[in-house]
Protein backbone atom coordinates (compact mmCIF):
# COMPACT_ATOMS: atom_id res chain seq x y z
CA MET A 1 0.00 0.00 0.00
CA LEU A 2 1.21 3.50 -0.84
CA THR A 3 0.79 6.65 1.22
CA GLN A 4 -1.84 9.13 0.03
CA ASN A 5 -1.33 12.06 2.39
CA ARG A 6 -1.80 15.47 0.78
CA GLN A 7 0.72 17.25 3.00
CA PRO A 8 4.20 15.94 3.97
CA ILE A 9 4.15 14.25 7.40
CA PRO A 10 7.30 13.94 9.53
CA ILE A 11 7.87 10.82 11.61
CA LEU A 12 10.36 11.69 14.34
CA VAL A 13 12.79 9.04 15.59
CA TYR A 14 14.42 9.08 19.01
CA HIS A 15 16.63 6.53 20.77
CA GLN A 16 17.60 7.35 24.34
CA ILE A 17 15.93 10.11 26.35
CA ALA A 18 18.76 10.62 28.81
CA GLU A 19 21.84 12.72 29.42
CA ALA A 20 24.69 11.70 27.13
CA PRO A 21 27.66 9.89 28.69
CA PRO A 22 30.93 11.82 29.09
CA LYS A 23 33.02 12.51 26.02
CA GLY A 24 35.75 10.03 25.21
CA GLY A 25 35.15 6.35 24.67
CA SER A 26 31.42 6.80 24.11
CA PRO A 27 30.53 6.69 20.42
CA PHE A 28 27.15 7.77 19.07
CA ARG A 29 26.58 10.33 21.82
CA GLY A 30 24.35 12.07 19.28
CA LEU A 31 21.66 9.43 19.81
CA TYR A 32 20.97 10.75 23.32
CA VAL A 33 18.39 13.53 23.74
CA SER A 34 18.27 14.99 27.23
CA PRO A 35 14.97 14.84 29.15
CA ALA A 36 14.88 18.64 29.25
CA ALA A 37 15.42 18.95 25.49
CA PHE A 38 12.74 16.34 24.80
CA ALA A 39 10.28 18.17 27.06
CA ARG A 40 10.97 21.46 25.24
CA GLN A 41 10.50 19.81 21.85
CA MET A 42 7.15 18.27 22.78
CA ALA A 43 5.97 21.57 24.33
CA TRP A 44 6.97 23.38 21.13
CA LEU A 45 5.00 20.92 18.98
CA LYS A 46 1.95 21.48 21.17
CA LEU A 47 2.39 25.26 21.03
CA LEU A 48 2.50 25.13 17.23
CA GLY A 49 -0.73 23.16 17.16
CA TYR A 50 0.70 19.75 16.29
CA THR A 51 -0.45 16.44 17.72
CA GLY A 52 2.15 13.73 18.26
CA LEU A 53 0.86 10.33 17.18
CA SER A 54 1.76 6.66 17.30
CA MET A 55 2.06 4.79 14.02
CA SER A 56 -1.45 3.34 14.42
CA ALA A 57 -2.94 6.78 15.05
CA LEU A 58 -0.91 8.21 12.16
CA GLN A 59 -2.12 5.62 9.65
CA PRO A 60 -5.35 7.41 8.61
CA TYR A 61 -3.30 10.53 7.87
CA LEU A 62 -0.73 8.61 5.83
CA GLN A 63 -3.54 6.93 3.92
CA GLY A 64 -5.22 10.26 3.11
CA GLU A 65 -8.32 9.49 5.17
CA ARG A 66 -7.70 12.34 7.59
CA SER A 67 -5.76 15.60 7.47
CA GLY A 68 -4.36 17.88 10.14
CA LYS A 69 -1.21 19.08 11.88
CA VAL A 70 0.26 15.79 12.97
CA VAL A 71 3.68 14.29 13.52
CA GLY A 72 4.63 10.68 14.14
CA ILE A 73 6.74 9.99 17.24
CA THR A 74 8.86 6.83 17.37
CA PHE A 75 11.51 5.44 19.70
CA ASP A 76 13.94 2.73 18.63
CA ASP A 77 15.10 -0.17 20.85
CA GLY A 78 12.84 0.10 23.90
CA TYR A 79 15.07 1.80 26.47
CA GLN A 80 13.83 2.05 30.04
CA ASN A 81 14.65 5.77 29.96
CA ASN A 82 11.88 6.22 27.37
CA LEU A 83 9.39 5.06 29.99
CA VAL A 84 10.91 7.13 32.80
CA ASN A 85 11.69 10.35 30.95
CA ALA A 86 9.49 10.46 27.84
CA LEU A 87 6.20 8.92 28.93
CA PRO A 88 5.22 11.63 31.48
CA VAL A 89 5.87 14.34 28.87
CA LEU A 90 3.86 12.54 26.19
CA VAL A 91 0.96 12.02 28.60
CA ARG A 92 1.05 15.67 29.69
CA HIS A 93 0.53 16.83 26.11
CA GLY A 94 -1.94 14.13 25.11
CA PHE A 95 0.51 12.64 22.60
CA SER A 96 0.91 9.00 21.62
CA SER A 97 4.00 7.30 20.19
CA THR A 98 5.37 3.98 19.05
CA CYS A 99 8.36 2.34 20.70
CA TYR A 100 10.03 -0.43 18.69
CA ALA A 101 11.15 -3.05 21.21
CA VAL A 102 13.43 -6.07 20.82
CA SER A 103 11.34 -9.01 22.03
CA GLY A 104 14.20 -11.29 23.05
CA LEU A 105 16.05 -8.68 25.10
CA LEU A 106 13.31 -7.29 27.34
CA GLY A 107 14.75 -6.47 30.75
CA LYS A 108 18.31 -6.75 29.43
CA THR A 109 20.57 -4.18 27.76
CA ASN A 110 21.56 -3.00 24.29
CA ILE A 111 24.02 -5.87 23.83
CA TRP A 112 24.08 -5.35 20.04
CA ASP A 113 26.07 -2.14 20.73
CA GLU A 114 28.60 -3.68 23.10
CA GLY A 115 31.18 -4.41 20.42
CA ILE A 116 31.42 -0.78 19.34
CA GLY A 117 31.76 0.63 22.83
CA ILE A 118 28.33 2.14 23.39
CA PRO A 119 27.53 2.03 27.14
CA GLN A 120 25.05 -0.65 28.18
CA THR A 121 21.67 0.77 29.16
CA PRO A 122 18.63 -1.06 30.58
CA LEU A 123 15.80 -1.94 28.22
CA MET A 124 12.20 -2.07 29.40
CA ASP A 125 11.18 -5.41 30.91
CA GLU A 126 7.80 -7.04 30.36
CA GLY A 127 6.09 -5.14 33.17
CA GLU A 128 7.48 -1.84 31.93
CA ILE A 129 6.35 -2.60 28.37
CA ARG A 130 2.84 -3.04 29.77
CA GLN A 131 3.19 0.25 31.70
CA TRP A 132 4.14 1.97 28.44
CA VAL A 133 1.01 0.63 26.74
CA ALA A 134 -1.15 1.46 29.75
CA GLY A 135 0.13 5.04 29.42
CA GLY A 136 -1.50 5.33 26.02
CA GLN A 137 1.57 4.46 23.99
CA GLU A 138 2.21 1.72 21.44
CA ILE A 139 4.73 -1.08 21.01
CA GLY A 140 6.15 -1.98 17.62
CA SER A 141 8.62 -4.71 16.69
CA HIS A 142 12.37 -4.31 16.14
CA THR A 143 12.98 -8.07 15.60
CA ARG A 144 13.76 -10.61 18.29
CA SER A 145 17.43 -9.74 18.84
CA HIS A 146 18.20 -6.51 16.92
CA VAL A 147 19.93 -8.28 14.04
CA ASN A 148 21.27 -6.87 10.81
CA LEU A 149 18.85 -8.59 8.43
CA LEU A 150 21.38 -8.36 5.59
CA LYS A 151 23.78 -10.62 7.49
CA ILE A 152 21.52 -13.62 8.12
CA ASP A 153 19.87 -16.10 5.78
CA GLU A 154 16.23 -16.02 4.75
CA PRO A 155 14.93 -18.53 7.35
CA GLY A 156 16.82 -16.60 10.03
CA CYS A 157 15.31 -13.28 8.90
CA ARG A 158 11.83 -14.72 8.90
CA GLU A 159 12.31 -16.19 12.38
CA GLU A 160 13.60 -12.87 13.74
CA MET A 161 10.66 -10.98 12.29
CA VAL A 162 8.04 -13.54 13.31
CA LEU A 163 9.29 -13.94 16.89
CA GLY A 164 9.83 -10.21 17.27
CA LYS A 165 6.13 -9.76 16.57
CA THR A 166 4.62 -12.73 18.44
CA GLY A 167 6.89 -12.26 21.45
CA LEU A 168 5.66 -8.72 22.00
CA GLU A 169 2.05 -9.69 21.35
CA ALA A 170 2.36 -12.26 24.15
CA VAL A 171 3.58 -9.52 26.51
CA THR A 172 1.06 -6.82 25.60
CA GLY A 173 -1.93 -8.99 24.76
CA ARG A 174 -2.46 -6.81 21.69
CA PRO A 175 -1.61 -7.11 17.98
CA VAL A 176 1.77 -5.66 17.01
CA ALA A 177 1.16 -4.03 13.65
CA HIS A 178 4.25 -1.90 13.14
CA PHE A 179 7.87 -2.82 12.39
CA CYS A 180 11.23 -1.07 12.23
CA TYR A 181 14.23 -2.48 10.34
CA PRO A 182 17.22 -2.70 12.74
CA TYR A 183 20.04 -0.35 11.70
CA GLY A 184 17.84 0.61 8.76
CA HIS A 185 19.33 -2.32 6.82
CA TYR A 186 16.95 -4.28 4.63
CA GLU A 187 16.25 -5.50 1.10
CA ALA A 188 13.09 -6.06 -0.96
CA ARG A 189 12.75 -9.59 0.44
CA HIS A 190 12.45 -8.21 3.97
CA VAL A 191 9.70 -5.85 2.85
CA ASP A 192 7.91 -8.89 1.40
CA VAL A 193 8.17 -10.72 4.73
CA ALA A 194 6.85 -7.66 6.59
CA ARG A 195 3.90 -7.65 4.21
CA GLU A 196 3.29 -11.39 4.65
CA LEU A 197 3.31 -10.99 8.44
CA GLY A 198 0.60 -8.36 8.21
CA PHE A 199 2.55 -5.31 9.37
CA ALA A 200 0.64 -2.14 8.53
CA THR A 201 3.77 0.03 8.45
CA ALA A 202 7.53 -0.37 8.61
CA THR A 203 9.99 2.45 9.20
CA THR A 204 13.53 2.95 7.97
CA THR A 205 16.48 5.26 8.67
CA GLN A 206 16.06 7.07 5.35
CA ARG A 207 15.85 10.78 6.17
CA SER A 208 12.78 12.49 4.82
CA ARG A 209 9.24 13.44 5.63
CA CYS A 210 6.53 11.12 4.32
CA HIS A 211 5.14 12.20 0.97
CA ALA A 212 2.32 10.74 -1.10
CA GLY A 213 3.20 7.64 -3.10
CA MET A 214 5.62 6.09 -0.59
CA ASP A 215 5.51 2.42 0.39
CA MET A 216 3.87 2.06 3.84
CA LEU A 217 6.49 -0.62 4.56
CA GLN A 218 9.45 1.64 3.73
CA LEU A 219 8.63 4.89 5.50
CA PRO A 220 11.37 7.49 6.05
CA ARG A 221 11.83 9.34 9.32
CA VAL A 222 13.37 12.51 10.72
CA PRO A 223 16.08 11.80 13.33
CA VAL A 224 16.14 13.96 16.45
CA LEU A 225 19.66 14.08 17.83
CA ARG A 226 21.55 15.54 20.75
CA SER A 227 22.73 18.28 18.38
CA THR A 228 19.19 19.18 17.24
CA THR A 229 18.62 22.68 18.55
CA LEU A 230 15.09 23.93 19.15
CA PRO A 231 15.14 26.28 16.11
CA VAL A 232 16.27 23.36 13.89
CA PHE A 233 13.59 21.16 15.44
């Protein structure tokens, strides 16, 4: 299915909502957005008349069934600091969002980053995932173990995508209809699997707003980084 929105729609992507670790020996510090910066950004959206939406709530806008000042809000990986630092802000403004969690690593850490020196940070456990959903937010799938889909064979890809979905559905008791390709790495065959599994949307790391005529299973996003000043935002 292709998007049919009349106006471009940004889907924001965040990772950690936390203070960045000290300089030196901590790569990818740009993926941290401080709680204060996040709060300012959400307040600014509200002030400008925008509504922050989860992928499910954004769907009618992407499909051209509704129009309005909306922005998608997504979080990759399922960090505990999203629950602690982002959820209260989202609730305060009446916003919803989608957090793409890694079903096989709930309650653990971002072990996929260990080899490149990124500090280990707690991921939400099952109870916290349910708290997130109870707070009006949504859970999407980020595979079972945050794999690079280009580096495993087809049966392995399918298993990662299937168990990423069913594992989270078992935790939330709700359908998981949205997917995010880990690292943004994927090929046409992975899009086909996402379609077969019934995902309504899938997001990438391609940088753009969503325009009409885009594949709902290859949606671009707008990264929000530590260096994103409020005027740039």
